[in-house]
Each structure stands twice: as structure tokens, then as C-alpha cells.
Amino acid sequence: MPDAPPPADHTDPVRADGVRGTPRDLALTGERTLPGVPDENYWFQRHVVAYELGAELATASGVETVLDAGCGEGYGLAMLAATGLSRVVGVDLDEAAVAHAGARYGLNPAIEVHAAELMALPLDDDAIDLTVSFQVIEHLHDIPGYLRALRRVTRNGGVVAIATPNRLTFTPGSDVPVNPFHTREFTAAELHEELTTAGLEVQRLLGVHHGDRLRGIEAAAGRPLTDLLTEATPDAWPSWVRRTVHAVRPSWFELRDDALDASLDLVAVCRVVG
């Protein structure tokens, strides 16, 4: 079996604010992933890839205020605030997650966190320059209402970035999500259509793929890594799989605009117009 060596640098990029340790006051429910949980690290780092793009978008000219709609544990707020933004707003329906995020990351004066429905965001119209909402849309029952809300609070000319699992690889061969917390999953074409129908101008549609290191590990194993992770609970993983999961970093993934139907996750970057 392949041997995945531990990385030389164990520094977690989302810990730039000095926060350390596992968020022990939050439970892994299947709806969120958390930092600092070794057996969850593969999924966590996949999410970090989208937040790295969000941080890149946050450095664009004219961006001062960012919304993370569905901020969960809050690690993304820290990544966004680390770019030097004057205001980073997190909103999540889960009051426990909001309390945790406020306590863990709220010492940064740029960060504020609110408990609210995403369809009723506690923000004025046109208050936000950049809205990110990652791994959220697939959980919602009123997707048009959610997109209207994001569009309402994001100024004309502002950017909305959405990330979601690719249905073709996450739930292959079925329109019914395998994850019981998901209400609807999207192909690239379906996501593009949904966002365009909501009045958002899709500027970039990208896919998260395994990079060379993960592809090499899969080639040696003769199987997709995601199959190995989902066919058994972590306590039943072979030791080399556990070592791989614990070692993964965001740089082990690629964010590309080709082969979207084969991607792991989809990331859409949209402009608010009209």
C-alpha cells in the first residue's frame, strides 16, 4: 500500500490568528467539518481551498466588507480577516456554532458573528462588497430565497462566491443525495443555471480536483481515495489511509476551470448586476 509521509510543515494556514486546539464544544454532525480533527482533515482541507479563493477575492480593490453566509465553526472568518479587511460578518443558523465562532475568533475587532436564517440576513441592502457561502447551498430548502438574500445584501458590482459538492462525483448515478443533510446537489451546468436564474452573472466556474500528490496515492492504491474514506469508519481505515488523511494540506488540491464534471467540488464566482 502507498505510504503518505507527513508534511514537513505542520502549520495550519487558518491558525494565522494564533488560535490553536480542537473546537471541542462543537460536534461533527455531517453538516459541517471542523479544524483540528485529524480524521476529518481531508474534508476540512478541501473546504479550506474555497476559503483560500475567498481570501484572494477579498484582496481585490474596493473590497472592505465581507459576508460569510453559513460560517459554521468560523475558521473561514479568520482566513478572510487575515487579509486586512475592515469588517468580516459571519451568519449561521446554528446558535452553538455562532457562540463558538464569536468566542474563538471574535477577539479580532474586524469579525462579528450573528445567528440568523440566511433568507433573513440581519444586514442592510447593498451592505457587502463580497459574499462567500461555501458548502451551504446543498443544505437548503429555499434555494431561490437564499440566493435572493445574498444578492440583496451584496452591492451592485459586488461578488458572490458559492462552493458546493459536485453531484456527479459526490452522489454518482442518482439525483437523491447520499448525504441525509443535503436537499439538492448540483452538476456544473445545473449550478450555473440556478445562479443565472437568480440574476447573478457567473464569471468563473471552477472545480476542486486532487493534485499530483493525491493522484499519485490513488494510482498506487488502485482506487479513488474518497471511496476508501467513505466505505468504512475511520477506526477501520488501513493505517496508510489514516496517515494520508492526517497529512493532507490545501496544496494537495487543484482549483481548475477544466474537467468540471470530474471535479470534487464546484466553486462559482459571480458578479451582482442590475
C-alpha atoms as a PDB file:
ATOM      1  CA  MET A   1       0.000   0.000   0.000  1.00  0.00           C
ATOM      2  CA  PRO A   2       1.179   3.588  -0.601  1.00  0.00           C
ATOM      3  CA  ASP A   3       2.949   5.365   2.176  1.00  0.00           C
ATOM      4  CA  ALA A   4       1.939   9.002   2.599  1.00  0.00           C
ATOM      5  CA  PRO A   5       4.652  10.746   4.599  1.00  0.00           C
ATOM      6  CA  PRO A   6       3.684  13.502   6.995  1.00  0.00           C
ATOM      7  CA  PRO A   7       4.188  17.017   5.648  1.00  0.00           C
ATOM      8  CA  ALA A   8       7.343  18.856   6.570  1.00  0.00           C
ATOM      9  CA  ASP A   9       5.354  21.895   7.753  1.00  0.00           C
ATOM     10  CA  HIS A  10       2.592  21.197  10.252  1.00  0.00           C
ATOM     11  CA  THR A  11       1.454  24.822  10.390  1.00  0.00           C
ATOM     12  CA  ASP A  12      -2.271  25.104   9.677  1.00  0.00           C
ATOM     13  CA  PRO A  13      -2.866  28.176   7.481  1.00  0.00           C
ATOM     14  CA  VAL A  14      -6.181  29.009   9.161  1.00  0.00           C
ATOM     15  CA  ARG A  15      -4.426  29.340  12.508  1.00  0.00           C
ATOM     16  CA  ALA A  16      -2.753  32.598  11.488  1.00  0.00           C
ATOM     17  CA  ASP A  17      -4.668  34.430  14.232  1.00  0.00           C
ATOM     18  CA  GLY A  18      -2.906  32.388  16.887  1.00  0.00           C
ATOM     19  CA  VAL A  19      -5.898  30.199  17.763  1.00  0.00           C
ATOM     20  CA  ARG A  20      -4.936  26.604  18.485  1.00  0.00           C
ATOM     21  CA  GLY A  21      -6.692  23.432  19.508  1.00  0.00           C
ATOM     22  CA  THR A  22      -9.768  21.437  18.567  1.00  0.00           C
ATOM     23  CA  PRO A  23     -13.243  23.019  18.826  1.00  0.00           C
ATOM     24  CA  ARG A  24     -14.397  20.507  21.419  1.00  0.00           C
ATOM     25  CA  ASP A  25     -17.652  22.341  22.111  1.00  0.00           C
ATOM     26  CA  LEU A  26     -18.957  21.505  18.626  1.00  0.00           C
ATOM     27  CA  ALA A  27     -19.937  18.052  17.401  1.00  0.00           C
ATOM     28  CA  LEU A  28     -19.311  16.573  13.969  1.00  0.00           C
ATOM     29  CA  THR A  29     -22.838  16.193  12.629  1.00  0.00           C
ATOM     30  CA  GLY A  30     -22.305  15.555   8.908  1.00  0.00           C
ATOM     31  CA  GLU A  31     -23.371  19.130   8.141  1.00  0.00           C
ATOM     32  CA  ARG A  32     -20.042  20.770   8.931  1.00  0.00           C
ATOM     33  CA  THR A  33     -16.378  19.947   9.072  1.00  0.00           C
ATOM     34  CA  LEU A  34     -14.112  21.233  11.817  1.00  0.00           C
ATOM     35  CA  PRO A  35     -10.451  22.201  12.129  1.00  0.00           C
ATOM     36  CA  GLY A  36      -8.168  20.277  14.430  1.00  0.00           C
ATOM     37  CA  VAL A  37      -9.867  16.865  13.988  1.00  0.00           C
ATOM     38  CA  PRO A  38      -7.219  14.572  12.406  1.00  0.00           C
ATOM     39  CA  ASP A  39      -9.630  12.020  10.926  1.00  0.00           C
ATOM     40  CA  GLU A  40     -11.666  14.875   9.402  1.00  0.00           C
ATOM     41  CA  ASN A  41      -8.635  16.621   7.922  1.00  0.00           C
ATOM     42  CA  TYR A  42      -9.101  15.559   4.279  1.00  0.00           C
ATOM     43  CA  TRP A  43     -12.596  17.063   4.147  1.00  0.00           C
ATOM     44  CA  PHE A  44     -11.563  20.130   6.126  1.00  0.00           C
ATOM     45  CA  GLN A  45      -8.683  20.960   3.792  1.00  0.00           C
ATOM     46  CA  ARG A  46     -10.999  20.609   0.775  1.00  0.00           C
ATOM     47  CA  HIS A  47     -13.122  23.351   2.335  1.00  0.00           C
ATOM     48  CA  VAL A  48     -10.050  25.482   3.016  1.00  0.00           C
ATOM     49  CA  VAL A  49      -9.341  25.509  -0.741  1.00  0.00           C
ATOM     50  CA  ALA A  50     -12.529  27.525  -1.307  1.00  0.00           C
ATOM     51  CA  TYR A  51     -11.697  29.911   1.535  1.00  0.00           C
ATOM     52  CA  GLU A  52      -8.248  30.488   0.052  1.00  0.00           C
ATOM     53  CA  LEU A  53     -10.009  31.657  -3.113  1.00  0.00           C
ATOM     54  CA  GLY A  54     -12.322  33.772  -0.943  1.00  0.00           C
ATOM     55  CA  ALA A  55      -9.311  35.391   0.709  1.00  0.00           C
ATOM     56  CA  GLU A  56      -7.852  36.102  -2.735  1.00  0.00           C
ATOM     57  CA  LEU A  57     -11.126  37.750  -3.800  1.00  0.00           C
ATOM     58  CA  ALA A  58     -11.109  39.763  -0.564  1.00  0.00           C
ATOM     59  CA  THR A  59      -7.867  41.456  -1.559  1.00  0.00           C
ATOM     60  CA  ALA A  60      -9.432  42.957  -4.702  1.00  0.00           C
ATOM     61  CA  SER A  61      -9.710  46.723  -4.992  1.00  0.00           C
ATOM     62  CA  GLY A  62     -12.770  48.162  -3.266  1.00  0.00           C
ATOM     63  CA  VAL A  63     -13.467  45.194  -1.005  1.00  0.00           C
ATOM     64  CA  GLU A  64     -13.794  46.295   2.608  1.00  0.00           C
ATOM     65  CA  THR A  65     -16.752  44.312   3.942  1.00  0.00           C
ATOM     66  CA  VAL A  66     -17.218  40.554   3.520  1.00  0.00           C
ATOM     67  CA  LEU A  67     -20.081  38.260   4.494  1.00  0.00           C
ATOM     68  CA  ASP A  68     -19.596  34.550   5.189  1.00  0.00           C
ATOM     69  CA  ALA A  69     -23.150  33.200   4.857  1.00  0.00           C
ATOM     70  CA  GLY A  70     -23.243  29.897   6.725  1.00  0.00           C
ATOM     71  CA  CYS A  71     -19.961  30.466   8.537  1.00  0.00           C
ATOM     72  CA  GLY A  72     -20.186  27.382  10.777  1.00  0.00           C
ATOM     73  CA  GLU A  73     -17.249  26.997  13.169  1.00  0.00           C
ATOM     74  CA  GLY A  74     -15.734  30.267  11.964  1.00  0.00           C
ATOM     75  CA  TYR A  75     -12.303  29.265  10.653  1.00  0.00           C
ATOM     76  CA  GLY A  76     -13.176  30.948   7.344  1.00  0.00           C
ATOM     77  CA  LEU A  77     -13.814  34.217   9.146  1.00  0.00           C
ATOM     78  CA  ALA A  78     -10.250  34.119  10.462  1.00  0.00           C
ATOM     79  CA  MET A  79      -8.867  33.435   6.980  1.00  0.00           C
ATOM     80  CA  LEU A  80     -10.837  36.323   5.482  1.00  0.00           C
ATOM     81  CA  ALA A  81      -9.955  38.738   8.289  1.00  0.00           C
ATOM     82  CA  ALA A  82      -6.265  37.871   7.896  1.00  0.00           C
ATOM     83  CA  THR A  83      -6.310  39.741   4.558  1.00  0.00           C
ATOM     84  CA  GLY A  84      -6.723  43.015   6.471  1.00  0.00           C
ATOM     85  CA  LEU A  85     -10.435  43.613   5.874  1.00  0.00           C
ATOM     86  CA  SER A  86     -12.185  46.223   7.980  1.00  0.00           C
ATOM     87  CA  ARG A  87     -15.338  44.125   8.528  1.00  0.00           C
ATOM     88  CA  VAL A  88     -15.977  40.379   8.247  1.00  0.00           C
ATOM     89  CA  VAL A  89     -19.536  39.313   9.055  1.00  0.00           C
ATOM     90  CA  GLY A  90     -20.410  35.691   9.798  1.00  0.00           C
ATOM     91  CA  VAL A  91     -24.022  34.484   9.816  1.00  0.00           C
ATOM     92  CA  ASP A  92     -25.195  30.996  10.701  1.00  0.00           C
ATOM     93  CA  LEU A  93     -28.484  29.498  11.883  1.00  0.00           C
ATOM     94  CA  ASP A  94     -26.776  27.213  14.417  1.00  0.00           C
ATOM     95  CA  GLU A  95     -26.633  29.199  17.660  1.00  0.00           C
ATOM     96  CA  ALA A  96     -23.991  26.896  19.166  1.00  0.00           C
ATOM     97  CA  ALA A  97     -21.742  27.435  16.141  1.00  0.00           C
ATOM     98  CA  VAL A  98     -22.268  31.201  16.334  1.00  0.00           C
ATOM     99  CA  ALA A  99     -21.444  31.282  20.056  1.00  0.00           C
ATOM    100  CA  HIS A 100     -18.327  29.213  19.404  1.00  0.00           C
ATOM    101  CA  ALA A 101     -17.219  31.354  16.438  1.00  0.00           C
ATOM    102  CA  GLY A 102     -17.712  34.547  18.408  1.00  0.00           C
ATOM    103  CA  ALA A 103     -15.748  33.262  21.384  1.00  0.00           C
ATOM    104  CA  ARG A 104     -12.966  31.720  19.288  1.00  0.00           C
ATOM    105  CA  TYR A 105     -12.456  34.361  16.615  1.00  0.00           C
ATOM    106  CA  GLY A 106     -14.338  37.432  17.833  1.00  0.00           C
ATOM    107  CA  LEU A 107     -11.317  38.898  19.620  1.00  0.00           C
ATOM    108  CA  ASN A 108     -10.369  40.186  16.193  1.00  0.00           C
ATOM    109  CA  PRO A 109     -12.247  43.518  16.060  1.00  0.00           C
ATOM    110  CA  ALA A 110     -12.949  43.073  12.346  1.00  0.00           C
ATOM    111  CA  ILE A 111     -15.020  39.917  12.980  1.00  0.00           C
ATOM    112  CA  GLU A 112     -18.675  39.877  14.012  1.00  0.00           C
ATOM    113  CA  VAL A 113     -20.958  36.842  14.104  1.00  0.00           C
ATOM    114  CA  HIS A 114     -24.771  36.671  14.075  1.00  0.00           C
ATOM    115  CA  ALA A 115     -27.312  33.874  14.478  1.00  0.00           C
ATOM    116  CA  ALA A 116     -29.975  34.196  11.775  1.00  0.00           C
ATOM    117  CA  GLU A 117     -31.721  32.486   8.879  1.00  0.00           C
ATOM    118  CA  LEU A 118     -29.825  33.073   5.673  1.00  0.00           C
ATOM    119  CA  MET A 119     -33.092  34.083   3.985  1.00  0.00           C
ATOM    120  CA  ALA A 120     -33.407  36.878   6.581  1.00  0.00           C
ATOM    121  CA  LEU A 121     -29.864  38.208   6.821  1.00  0.00           C
ATOM    122  CA  PRO A 122     -29.522  40.924   9.504  1.00  0.00           C
ATOM    123  CA  LEU A 123     -27.855  43.309   7.067  1.00  0.00           C
ATOM    124  CA  ASP A 124     -28.923  46.351   5.075  1.00  0.00           C
ATOM    125  CA  ASP A 125     -29.333  46.229   1.329  1.00  0.00           C
ATOM    126  CA  ASP A 126     -26.040  46.660  -0.560  1.00  0.00           C
ATOM    127  CA  ALA A 127     -24.016  46.479   2.680  1.00  0.00           C
ATOM    128  CA  ILE A 128     -21.493  43.892   1.481  1.00  0.00           C
ATOM    129  CA  ASP A 129     -18.709  44.027  -1.112  1.00  0.00           C
ATOM    130  CA  LEU A 130     -18.000  40.278  -1.209  1.00  0.00           C
ATOM    131  CA  THR A 131     -20.225  37.423  -0.078  1.00  0.00           C
ATOM    132  CA  VAL A 132     -18.902  33.883   0.286  1.00  0.00           C
ATOM    133  CA  SER A 133     -21.126  30.915   1.062  1.00  0.00           C
ATOM    134  CA  PHE A 134     -19.286  27.624   0.968  1.00  0.00           C
ATOM    135  CA  GLN A 135     -20.823  24.155   1.305  1.00  0.00           C
ATOM    136  CA  VAL A 136     -24.183  25.709   2.201  1.00  0.00           C
ATOM    137  CA  ILE A 137     -26.488  25.769  -0.838  1.00  0.00           C
ATOM    138  CA  GLU A 138     -26.850  21.963  -0.895  1.00  0.00           C
ATOM    139  CA  HIS A 139     -28.393  22.009   2.616  1.00  0.00           C
ATOM    140  CA  LEU A 140     -31.202  24.478   1.932  1.00  0.00           C
ATOM    141  CA  HIS A 141     -34.871  24.000   1.066  1.00  0.00           C
ATOM    142  CA  ASP A 142     -35.469  27.501  -0.333  1.00  0.00           C
ATOM    143  CA  ILE A 143     -32.509  27.958  -2.663  1.00  0.00           C
ATOM    144  CA  PRO A 144     -34.066  30.817  -4.704  1.00  0.00           C
ATOM    145  CA  GLY A 145     -34.857  32.685  -1.469  1.00  0.00           C
ATOM    146  CA  TYR A 146     -31.312  32.149  -0.223  1.00  0.00           C
ATOM    147  CA  LEU A 147     -29.789  33.497  -3.445  1.00  0.00           C
ATOM    148  CA  ARG A 148     -32.144  36.485  -3.378  1.00  0.00           C
ATOM    149  CA  ALA A 149     -30.963  37.241   0.152  1.00  0.00           C
ATOM    150  CA  LEU A 150     -27.282  37.060  -0.831  1.00  0.00           C
ATOM    151  CA  ARG A 151     -27.975  39.309  -3.810  1.00  0.00           C
ATOM    152  CA  ARG A 152     -29.920  41.797  -1.668  1.00  0.00           C
ATOM    153  CA  VAL A 153     -27.088  42.443   0.780  1.00  0.00           C
ATOM    154  CA  THR A 154     -24.288  42.435  -1.834  1.00  0.00           C
ATOM    155  CA  ARG A 155     -23.828  45.758  -3.608  1.00  0.00           C
ATOM    156  CA  ASN A 156     -24.227  46.174  -7.338  1.00  0.00           C
ATOM    157  CA  GLY A 157     -20.904  45.165  -8.869  1.00  0.00           C
ATOM    158  CA  GLY A 158     -20.015  43.123  -5.814  1.00  0.00           C
ATOM    159  CA  VAL A 159     -19.085  39.453  -5.866  1.00  0.00           C
ATOM    160  CA  VAL A 160     -20.881  36.348  -4.599  1.00  0.00           C
ATOM    161  CA  ALA A 161     -18.845  33.115  -4.391  1.00  0.00           C
ATOM    162  CA  ILE A 162     -20.593  29.768  -3.902  1.00  0.00           C
ATOM    163  CA  ALA A 163     -18.995  26.348  -3.280  1.00  0.00           C
ATOM    164  CA  THR A 164     -20.848  23.032  -3.264  1.00  0.00           C
ATOM    165  CA  PRO A 165     -20.117  19.325  -3.872  1.00  0.00           C
ATOM    166  CA  ASN A 166     -20.273  18.149  -7.469  1.00  0.00           C
ATOM    167  CA  ARG A 167     -23.246  15.794  -7.695  1.00  0.00           C
ATOM    168  CA  LEU A 168     -21.575  13.703 -10.393  1.00  0.00           C
ATOM    169  CA  THR A 169     -18.766  12.661  -8.041  1.00  0.00           C
ATOM    170  CA  PHE A 170     -20.408  13.089  -4.613  1.00  0.00           C
ATOM    171  CA  THR A 171     -23.586  11.140  -5.400  1.00  0.00           C
ATOM    172  CA  PRO A 172     -22.831   9.427  -8.719  1.00  0.00           C
ATOM    173  CA  GLY A 173     -25.696   7.797 -10.581  1.00  0.00           C
ATOM    174  CA  SER A 174     -28.507   9.340  -8.530  1.00  0.00           C
ATOM    175  CA  ASP A 175     -30.458  12.580  -8.184  1.00  0.00           C
ATOM    176  CA  VAL A 176     -31.077  11.768  -4.500  1.00  0.00           C
ATOM    177  CA  PRO A 177     -28.192  12.963  -2.284  1.00  0.00           C
ATOM    178  CA  VAL A 178     -26.453  10.206  -0.345  1.00  0.00           C
ATOM    179  CA  ASN A 179     -25.825  12.690   2.482  1.00  0.00           C
ATOM    180  CA  PRO A 180     -29.041  12.916   4.554  1.00  0.00           C
ATOM    181  CA  PHE A 181     -28.297  16.581   5.343  1.00  0.00           C
ATOM    182  CA  HIS A 182     -28.302  17.550   1.652  1.00  0.00           C
ATOM    183  CA  THR A 183     -31.543  18.596  -0.022  1.00  0.00           C
ATOM    184  CA  ARG A 184     -30.170  19.166  -3.512  1.00  0.00           C
ATOM    185  CA  GLU A 185     -26.808  18.680  -5.184  1.00  0.00           C
ATOM    186  CA  PHE A 186     -25.683  20.234  -8.466  1.00  0.00           C
ATOM    187  CA  THR A 187     -23.727  19.469 -11.584  1.00  0.00           C
ATOM    188  CA  ALA A 188     -21.707  22.356 -13.007  1.00  0.00           C
ATOM    189  CA  ALA A 189     -24.391  23.075 -15.601  1.00  0.00           C
ATOM    190  CA  GLU A 190     -27.178  22.941 -13.007  1.00  0.00           C
ATOM    191  CA  LEU A 191     -25.340  25.290 -10.656  1.00  0.00           C
ATOM    192  CA  HIS A 192     -24.666  27.746 -13.482  1.00  0.00           C
ATOM    193  CA  GLU A 193     -28.352  27.721 -14.422  1.00  0.00           C
ATOM    194  CA  GLU A 194     -29.515  28.182 -10.810  1.00  0.00           C
ATOM    195  CA  LEU A 195     -27.209  31.149 -10.257  1.00  0.00           C
ATOM    196  CA  THR A 196     -28.058  32.761 -13.590  1.00  0.00           C
ATOM    197  CA  THR A 197     -31.789  32.379 -12.918  1.00  0.00           C
ATOM    198  CA  ALA A 198     -31.228  34.189  -9.609  1.00  0.00           C
ATOM    199  CA  GLY A 199     -29.819  37.171 -11.508  1.00  0.00           C
ATOM    200  CA  LEU A 200     -26.149  36.526 -10.790  1.00  0.00           C
ATOM    201  CA  GLU A 201     -23.581  36.827 -13.569  1.00  0.00           C
ATOM    202  CA  VAL A 202     -21.312  33.764 -13.379  1.00  0.00           C
ATOM    203  CA  GLN A 203     -17.809  34.998 -14.148  1.00  0.00           C
ATOM    204  CA  ARG A 204     -15.856  31.874 -13.244  1.00  0.00           C
ATOM    205  CA  LEU A 205     -16.931  28.297 -12.617  1.00  0.00           C
ATOM    206  CA  LEU A 206     -14.123  26.229 -11.133  1.00  0.00           C
ATOM    207  CA  GLY A 207     -13.654  22.691  -9.894  1.00  0.00           C
ATOM    208  CA  VAL A 208     -11.650  21.337  -6.957  1.00  0.00           C
ATOM    209  CA  HIS A 209      -9.529  18.355  -8.052  1.00  0.00           C
ATOM    210  CA  HIS A 210      -6.918  16.174  -6.427  1.00  0.00           C
ATOM    211  CA  GLY A 211      -3.426  17.450  -7.181  1.00  0.00           C
ATOM    212  CA  ASP A 212      -0.414  15.396  -8.211  1.00  0.00           C
ATOM    213  CA  ARG A 213       0.297  14.074  -4.719  1.00  0.00           C
ATOM    214  CA  LEU A 214      -3.204  12.731  -4.107  1.00  0.00           C
ATOM    215  CA  ARG A 215      -3.456  11.380  -7.653  1.00  0.00           C
ATOM    216  CA  GLY A 216      -0.193   9.513  -7.113  1.00  0.00           C
ATOM    217  CA  ILE A 217      -1.507   7.983  -3.895  1.00  0.00           C
ATOM    218  CA  GLU A 218      -4.703   6.903  -5.671  1.00  0.00           C
ATOM    219  CA  ALA A 219      -2.730   5.405  -8.555  1.00  0.00           C
ATOM    220  CA  ALA A 220      -0.682   3.321  -6.113  1.00  0.00           C
ATOM    221  CA  ALA A 221      -3.831   2.210  -4.281  1.00  0.00           C
ATOM    222  CA  GLY A 222      -5.734   1.488  -7.499  1.00  0.00           C
ATOM    223  CA  ARG A 223      -8.826   3.207  -6.103  1.00  0.00           C
ATOM    224  CA  PRO A 224     -10.198   6.710  -5.517  1.00  0.00           C
ATOM    225  CA  LEU A 225      -9.307   7.971  -2.064  1.00  0.00           C
ATOM    226  CA  THR A 226     -12.868   9.144  -1.468  1.00  0.00           C
ATOM    227  CA  ASP A 227     -14.107   5.565  -1.888  1.00  0.00           C
ATOM    228  CA  LEU A 228     -11.679   4.363   0.766  1.00  0.00           C
ATOM    229  CA  LEU A 229     -12.764   7.114   3.160  1.00  0.00           C
ATOM    230  CA  THR A 230     -16.498   6.510   2.803  1.00  0.00           C
ATOM    231  CA  GLU A 231     -16.666   2.733   2.715  1.00  0.00           C
ATOM    232  CA  ALA A 232     -15.557   2.370   6.347  1.00  0.00           C
ATOM    233  CA  THR A 233     -15.498   4.371   9.560  1.00  0.00           C
ATOM    234  CA  PRO A 234     -12.140   5.978  10.439  1.00  0.00           C
ATOM    235  CA  ASP A 235     -11.366   3.342  13.075  1.00  0.00           C
ATOM    236  CA  ALA A 236     -11.439   0.726  10.277  1.00  0.00           C
ATOM    237  CA  TRP A 237      -9.216   2.622   7.838  1.00  0.00           C
ATOM    238  CA  PRO A 238      -5.900   0.991   6.910  1.00  0.00           C
ATOM    239  CA  SER A 239      -3.004   2.744   8.617  1.00  0.00           C
ATOM    240  CA  TRP A 240      -1.735   4.259   5.342  1.00  0.00           C
ATOM    241  CA  VAL A 241      -5.162   5.826   4.712  1.00  0.00           C
ATOM    242  CA  ARG A 242      -5.126   7.416   8.175  1.00  0.00           C
ATOM    243  CA  ARG A 243      -1.620   8.773   7.599  1.00  0.00           C
ATOM    244  CA  THR A 244      -2.741  10.244   4.289  1.00  0.00           C
ATOM    245  CA  VAL A 245      -5.839  11.875   5.758  1.00  0.00           C
ATOM    246  CA  HIS A 246      -3.869  13.395   8.621  1.00  0.00           C
ATOM    247  CA  ALA A 247      -1.193  14.753   6.260  1.00  0.00           C
ATOM    248  CA  VAL A 248      -3.400  16.432   3.624  1.00  0.00           C
ATOM    249  CA  ARG A 249      -2.926  20.150   3.048  1.00  0.00           C
ATOM    250  CA  PRO A 250      -4.776  22.575   0.732  1.00  0.00           C
ATOM    251  CA  SER A 251      -1.815  22.477  -1.669  1.00  0.00           C
ATOM    252  CA  TRP A 252      -2.632  18.818  -2.339  1.00  0.00           C
ATOM    253  CA  PHE A 253      -5.703  20.009  -4.310  1.00  0.00           C
ATOM    254  CA  GLU A 254      -6.048  21.968  -7.546  1.00  0.00           C
ATOM    255  CA  LEU A 255      -8.666  24.586  -8.414  1.00  0.00           C
ATOM    256  CA  ARG A 256      -9.207  24.493 -12.191  1.00  0.00           C
ATOM    257  CA  ASP A 257     -11.670  25.625 -14.846  1.00  0.00           C
ATOM    258  CA  ASP A 258     -11.474  22.399 -16.889  1.00  0.00           C
ATOM    259  CA  ALA A 259     -12.960  18.906 -16.406  1.00  0.00           C
ATOM    260  CA  LEU A 260     -15.721  20.337 -14.203  1.00  0.00           C
ATOM    261  CA  ASP A 261     -17.841  17.182 -14.409  1.00  0.00           C
ATOM    262  CA  ALA A 262     -14.958  15.201 -12.865  1.00  0.00           C
ATOM    263  CA  SER A 263     -14.309  17.689 -10.063  1.00  0.00           C
ATOM    264  CA  LEU A 264     -14.869  17.023  -6.373  1.00  0.00           C
ATOM    265  CA  ASP A 265     -16.443  20.388  -5.553  1.00  0.00           C
ATOM    266  CA  LEU A 266     -17.698  23.282  -7.646  1.00  0.00           C
ATOM    267  CA  VAL A 267     -16.861  26.930  -6.948  1.00  0.00           C
ATOM    268  CA  ALA A 268     -18.751  29.706  -8.726  1.00  0.00           C
ATOM    269  CA  VAL A 269     -17.593  33.334  -8.683  1.00  0.00           C
ATOM    270  CA  CYS A 270     -20.472  35.643  -9.622  1.00  0.00           C
ATOM    271  CA  ARG A 271     -20.995  39.355 -10.133  1.00  0.00           C
ATOM    272  CA  VAL A 272     -24.110  41.138  -8.844  1.00  0.00           C
ATOM    273  CA  VAL A 273     -25.549  43.157 -11.717  1.00  0.00           C
ATOM    274  CA  GLY A 274     -28.673  45.254 -12.140  1.00  0.00           C
END
